[in-house]
Amino acid sequence: MGDSANPKIRARTCERSNPSTLPALALEKLLSAPPRLRARFCLGQKWRAFSLIELLVVIALIALLATFAAPAVSSLLRGNEVTRAEQTLVQQFSLARQTAIARNRRVEVRLYKFDNPEALGSDSTFCALQTFVINEDNSVKPFGRLAKLPASVVLNEAAANSSLLGLADKAWTAQDPQISLPGIGTSYTAKAFQFRPDGSTGLASGTKWFVTLHAATAGASASSPPANFATIQVDPVSGAARSYRP
């Protein structure tokens, strides 16, 4: 057997012929390594990499995991949008009540129905609200800006799910004319109820008043809301707003 077949001889040959190609510390580690590893290093032997089939298998596994994860992620995002809409309604109702008490004035909450340009489709839905202060002379002044719900969320219009939306449409008068909404104009209808200076509402006390919201994909007129929904109830006597989630 020749010298080229002996790994120890090849390693010593590499050490003598290429001492300047390695830093001192690396050279010291190389000299202390087993002869077979030194021989591989000196001969420039390449280590085996991933094959094309292995890479394709990894990519397929990643795609499969993404397919299973997509519905869960989508459901999580819809749930977050419902939570945002729920918080918007509760905050606006509570703000209207607090303003009525603080200013000793009636405050009206209007729920707007229009074709939301930010949402998919062209159906008109209840997707925004705004508060107004009613002065002593019955003139009306907007108190807050138009608060829009997330484009992927709607208020359910079924009577069993949203009694507040069963109120009569808002009637416009000379002292309380229909105002133009940003990006919407006057192409809308509204449902309205009022908070009194003592914090109570003008709603009938013998009825439960509430509104239900959920993802728009379920439809605004669904007889039963999807699994992920929120219901906001307004106590007609105290005016307090509470939210409920399944």
Protein backbone atom coordinates (compact mmCIF):
# COMPACT_ATOMS: atom_id res chain seq x y z
CA MET A 1 0.00 0.00 0.00
CA GLY A 2 1.42 3.40 -0.99
CA ASP A 3 1.81 6.47 1.17
CA SER A 4 -1.24 8.09 -0.43
CA ALA A 5 -3.48 5.37 1.03
CA ASN A 6 -2.32 5.96 4.60
CA PRO A 7 -4.30 8.78 6.31
CA LYS A 8 -1.52 9.39 8.88
CA ILE A 9 1.04 9.97 6.15
CA ARG A 10 -1.39 12.27 4.24
CA ALA A 11 -2.03 14.30 7.38
CA ARG A 12 1.70 14.74 8.10
CA THR A 13 2.28 15.72 4.49
CA CYS A 14 -0.49 18.35 4.77
CA GLU A 15 1.00 19.72 7.97
CA ARG A 16 4.44 20.10 6.33
CA SER A 17 3.22 21.49 3.03
CA ASN A 18 0.54 23.93 4.26
CA PRO A 19 1.59 25.25 7.70
CA SER A 20 1.09 28.86 6.68
CA THR A 21 -2.51 28.37 5.48
CA LEU A 22 -3.90 27.92 9.00
CA PRO A 23 -3.92 30.27 12.00
CA ALA A 24 -1.90 29.10 14.94
CA LEU A 25 -4.89 28.15 17.08
CA ALA A 26 -6.62 26.32 14.22
CA LEU A 27 -3.37 24.52 13.34
CA GLU A 28 -2.98 23.40 16.94
CA LYS A 29 -6.51 21.99 16.99
CA LEU A 30 -5.94 20.30 13.66
CA LEU A 31 -2.74 18.60 14.87
CA SER A 32 -4.57 17.29 17.96
CA ALA A 33 -7.49 15.91 15.90
CA PRO A 34 -7.73 12.22 14.95
CA PRO A 35 -5.66 11.31 11.86
CA ARG A 36 -8.72 10.55 9.73
CA LEU A 37 -10.21 14.04 10.28
CA ARG A 38 -6.83 15.66 9.54
CA ALA A 39 -6.60 13.66 6.32
CA ARG A 40 -10.06 14.76 5.21
CA PHE A 41 -9.27 18.39 5.91
CA CYS A 42 -5.96 18.34 4.07
CA LEU A 43 -7.42 16.57 1.04
CA GLY A 44 -10.26 19.15 0.85
CA GLN A 45 -12.99 16.51 1.18
CA LYS A 46 -16.48 18.08 1.13
CA TRP A 47 -19.17 17.13 3.60
CA ARG A 48 -22.49 15.88 2.26
CA ALA A 49 -25.22 18.57 1.83
CA PHE A 50 -29.03 18.28 1.56
CA SER A 51 -30.30 16.63 -1.58
CA LEU A 52 -33.05 18.09 -3.76
CA ILE A 53 -35.50 15.45 -2.59
CA GLU A 54 -34.85 16.32 1.07
CA LEU A 55 -35.42 20.01 0.39
CA LEU A 56 -38.66 19.26 -1.44
CA VAL A 57 -39.87 17.14 1.47
CA VAL A 58 -39.17 19.97 3.93
CA ILE A 59 -40.99 22.49 1.73
CA ALA A 60 -43.98 20.15 1.44
CA LEU A 61 -44.15 19.77 5.22
CA ILE A 62 -44.05 23.54 5.72
CA ALA A 63 -46.86 23.99 3.17
CA LEU A 64 -48.93 21.31 4.90
CA LEU A 65 -48.51 22.97 8.31
CA ALA A 66 -49.45 26.35 6.83
CA THR A 67 -52.63 24.84 5.37
CA PHE A 68 -53.74 23.59 8.78
CA ALA A 69 -52.74 26.83 10.55
CA ALA A 70 -54.49 29.22 8.13
CA PRO A 71 -58.07 28.65 9.42
CA ALA A 72 -56.94 29.10 13.02
CA VAL A 73 -55.14 32.35 12.19
CA SER A 74 -58.15 33.62 10.23
CA SER A 75 -60.48 32.82 13.13
CA LEU A 76 -58.15 34.61 15.55
CA LEU A 77 -58.10 37.74 13.38
CA ARG A 78 -61.89 37.78 13.11
CA GLY A 79 -62.13 37.40 16.87
CA ASN A 80 -59.87 40.40 17.36
CA GLU A 81 -62.04 42.50 15.03
CA VAL A 82 -65.17 41.52 16.96
CA THR A 83 -63.46 42.54 20.21
CA ARG A 84 -62.53 45.93 18.73
CA ALA A 85 -66.12 46.54 17.60
CA GLU A 86 -67.45 45.45 21.00
CA GLN A 87 -65.16 47.90 22.78
CA THR A 88 -66.16 50.70 20.41
CA LEU A 89 -69.88 50.27 21.14
CA VAL A 90 -69.44 49.98 24.91
CA GLN A 91 -67.16 53.03 25.01
CA GLN A 92 -69.52 55.14 22.88
CA PHE A 93 -72.58 54.18 24.94
CA SER A 94 -70.75 54.86 28.20
CA LEU A 95 -69.38 58.17 26.93
CA ALA A 96 -72.86 59.29 25.88
CA ARG A 97 -74.26 58.50 29.33
CA GLN A 98 -71.40 60.26 31.13
CA THR A 99 -71.76 63.32 28.91
CA ALA A 100 -75.50 63.52 29.59
CA ILE A 101 -74.84 63.50 33.35
CA ALA A 102 -71.89 65.93 33.22
CA ARG A 103 -73.57 68.48 30.95
CA ASN A 104 -77.09 68.02 32.30
CA ARG A 105 -78.30 67.56 28.75
CA ARG A 106 -79.90 64.81 26.73
CA VAL A 107 -77.43 62.95 24.55
CA GLU A 108 -78.50 60.96 21.52
CA VAL A 109 -76.73 57.92 20.11
CA ARG A 110 -77.28 57.21 16.43
CA LEU A 111 -76.54 53.89 14.80
CA TYR A 112 -75.91 54.42 11.10
CA LYS A 113 -76.75 52.07 8.24
CA PHE A 114 -75.03 52.66 4.92
CA ASP A 115 -72.99 51.02 2.19
CA ASN A 116 -69.54 50.92 3.77
CA PRO A 117 -66.95 51.62 1.04
CA GLU A 118 -64.28 49.91 3.15
CA ALA A 119 -66.17 46.60 3.30
CA LEU A 120 -66.55 43.94 0.63
CA GLY A 121 -69.85 43.79 -1.18
CA SER A 122 -72.44 46.48 -1.71
CA ASP A 123 -75.12 45.72 0.91
CA SER A 124 -75.96 48.45 3.40
CA THR A 125 -75.29 47.44 7.01
CA PHE A 126 -75.21 49.07 10.43
CA CYS A 127 -71.50 49.75 10.75
CA ALA A 128 -71.02 53.10 12.52
CA LEU A 129 -72.38 55.31 15.31
CA GLN A 130 -72.16 58.88 16.57
CA THR A 131 -73.28 60.88 19.61
CA PHE A 132 -75.10 64.23 19.69
CA VAL A 133 -75.86 66.72 22.46
CA ILE A 134 -79.40 68.11 22.51
CA ASN A 135 -79.47 71.71 23.75
CA GLU A 136 -82.25 73.38 25.70
CA ASP A 137 -83.73 74.87 22.51
CA ASN A 138 -83.79 71.33 21.03
CA SER A 139 -81.03 72.15 18.58
CA VAL A 140 -78.64 69.25 18.06
CA LYS A 141 -74.86 69.38 17.92
CA PRO A 142 -72.48 66.49 17.18
CA PHE A 143 -70.48 65.63 20.26
CA GLY A 144 -68.10 63.02 18.92
CA ARG A 145 -66.69 61.98 15.60
CA LEU A 146 -68.18 59.23 13.50
CA ALA A 147 -67.05 55.93 15.04
CA LYS A 148 -66.85 53.19 12.43
CA LEU A 149 -66.77 49.52 13.24
CA PRO A 150 -64.08 47.34 11.62
CA ALA A 151 -64.97 46.64 7.99
CA SER A 152 -65.18 42.89 8.69
CA VAL A 153 -67.81 43.31 11.45
CA VAL A 154 -71.54 44.09 11.21
CA LEU A 155 -74.46 44.53 13.58
CA ASN A 156 -76.97 41.72 13.34
CA GLU A 157 -80.32 43.11 12.18
CA ALA A 158 -82.53 40.19 13.22
CA ALA A 159 -85.07 41.37 15.81
CA ALA A 160 -84.23 38.50 18.16
CA ASN A 161 -80.54 39.46 18.14
CA SER A 162 -80.64 43.28 18.15
CA SER A 163 -83.72 44.92 19.67
CA LEU A 164 -82.11 48.38 19.37
CA LEU A 165 -82.17 48.03 15.60
CA GLY A 166 -85.92 47.44 15.77
CA LEU A 167 -86.50 51.08 16.74
CA ALA A 168 -88.17 53.36 14.23
CA ASP A 169 -85.90 55.11 11.74
CA LYS A 170 -84.63 58.49 12.83
CA ALA A 171 -86.92 61.32 11.65
CA TRP A 172 -85.17 64.53 10.54
CA THR A 173 -86.53 67.97 11.45
CA ALA A 174 -85.60 71.61 10.88
CA GLN A 175 -83.86 71.75 14.25
CA ASP A 176 -82.32 68.34 13.74
CA PRO A 177 -81.56 68.00 10.01
CA GLN A 178 -79.78 65.07 8.43
CA ILE A 179 -76.07 65.80 8.40
CA SER A 180 -73.54 64.69 5.80
CA LEU A 181 -71.23 61.90 6.94
CA PRO A 182 -67.59 61.85 5.78
CA GLY A 183 -67.26 59.72 2.66
CA ILE A 184 -70.96 58.76 2.83
CA GLY A 185 -72.95 61.98 2.43
CA THR A 186 -76.64 61.60 3.27
CA SER A 187 -77.09 58.13 1.76
CA TYR A 188 -77.87 56.48 5.07
CA THR A 189 -80.56 55.72 7.62
CA ALA A 190 -80.26 55.76 11.40
CA LYS A 191 -81.68 54.29 14.58
CA ALA A 192 -81.45 56.53 17.64
CA PHE A 193 -82.00 56.50 21.41
CA GLN A 194 -81.25 59.04 24.11
CA PHE A 195 -79.58 59.23 27.50
CA ARG A 196 -81.17 61.62 30.02
CA PRO A 197 -79.33 63.96 32.42
CA ASP A 198 -79.89 61.47 35.26
CA GLY A 199 -78.13 58.70 33.28
CA SER A 200 -81.26 56.78 32.35
CA THR A 201 -82.46 56.29 28.78
CA GLY A 202 -85.61 57.10 26.86
CA LEU A 203 -86.07 53.41 26.04
CA ALA A 204 -89.07 51.51 27.37
CA SER A 205 -88.25 50.10 30.79
CA GLY A 206 -90.12 46.85 30.31
CA THR A 207 -88.00 45.73 27.37
CA LYS A 208 -84.48 44.35 27.09
CA TRP A 209 -82.42 46.53 24.77
CA PHE A 210 -79.34 45.11 23.14
CA VAL A 211 -77.42 44.78 19.90
CA THR A 212 -75.37 41.85 18.60
CA LEU A 213 -72.31 42.06 16.39
CA HIS A 214 -70.22 39.47 14.60
CA ALA A 215 -68.11 38.85 11.51
CA ALA A 216 -69.66 40.13 8.28
CA THR A 217 -69.14 36.75 6.62
CA ALA A 218 -72.13 35.37 8.55
CA GLY A 219 -74.47 37.98 7.07
CA ALA A 220 -76.20 40.89 8.78
CA SER A 221 -79.60 39.17 8.83
CA ALA A 222 -78.54 35.78 10.19
CA SER A 223 -81.23 34.35 12.47
CA SER A 224 -78.55 33.00 14.79
CA PRO A 225 -75.09 34.57 15.15
CA PRO A 226 -71.92 32.55 14.53
CA ALA A 227 -69.91 31.03 17.36
CA ASN A 228 -67.81 34.16 17.82
CA PHE A 229 -70.08 37.14 18.57
CA ALA A 230 -70.65 39.87 21.15
CA THR A 231 -73.89 41.27 22.55
CA ILE A 232 -74.03 44.72 24.17
CA GLN A 233 -77.00 45.34 26.45
CA VAL A 234 -78.19 48.76 27.60
CA ASP A 235 -80.15 48.96 30.86
CA PRO A 236 -83.04 51.34 30.11
CA VAL A 237 -83.29 52.52 33.73
CA SER A 238 -79.65 52.94 34.78
CA GLY A 239 -78.25 53.45 31.27
CA ALA A 240 -75.35 51.12 32.01
CA ALA A 241 -73.89 49.21 29.05
CA ARG A 242 -72.65 45.64 29.46
CA SER A 243 -71.15 43.26 26.93
CA TYR A 244 -71.50 39.49 26.76
CA ARG A 245 -69.36 36.97 24.87
CA PRO A 246 -69.99 33.24 24.37
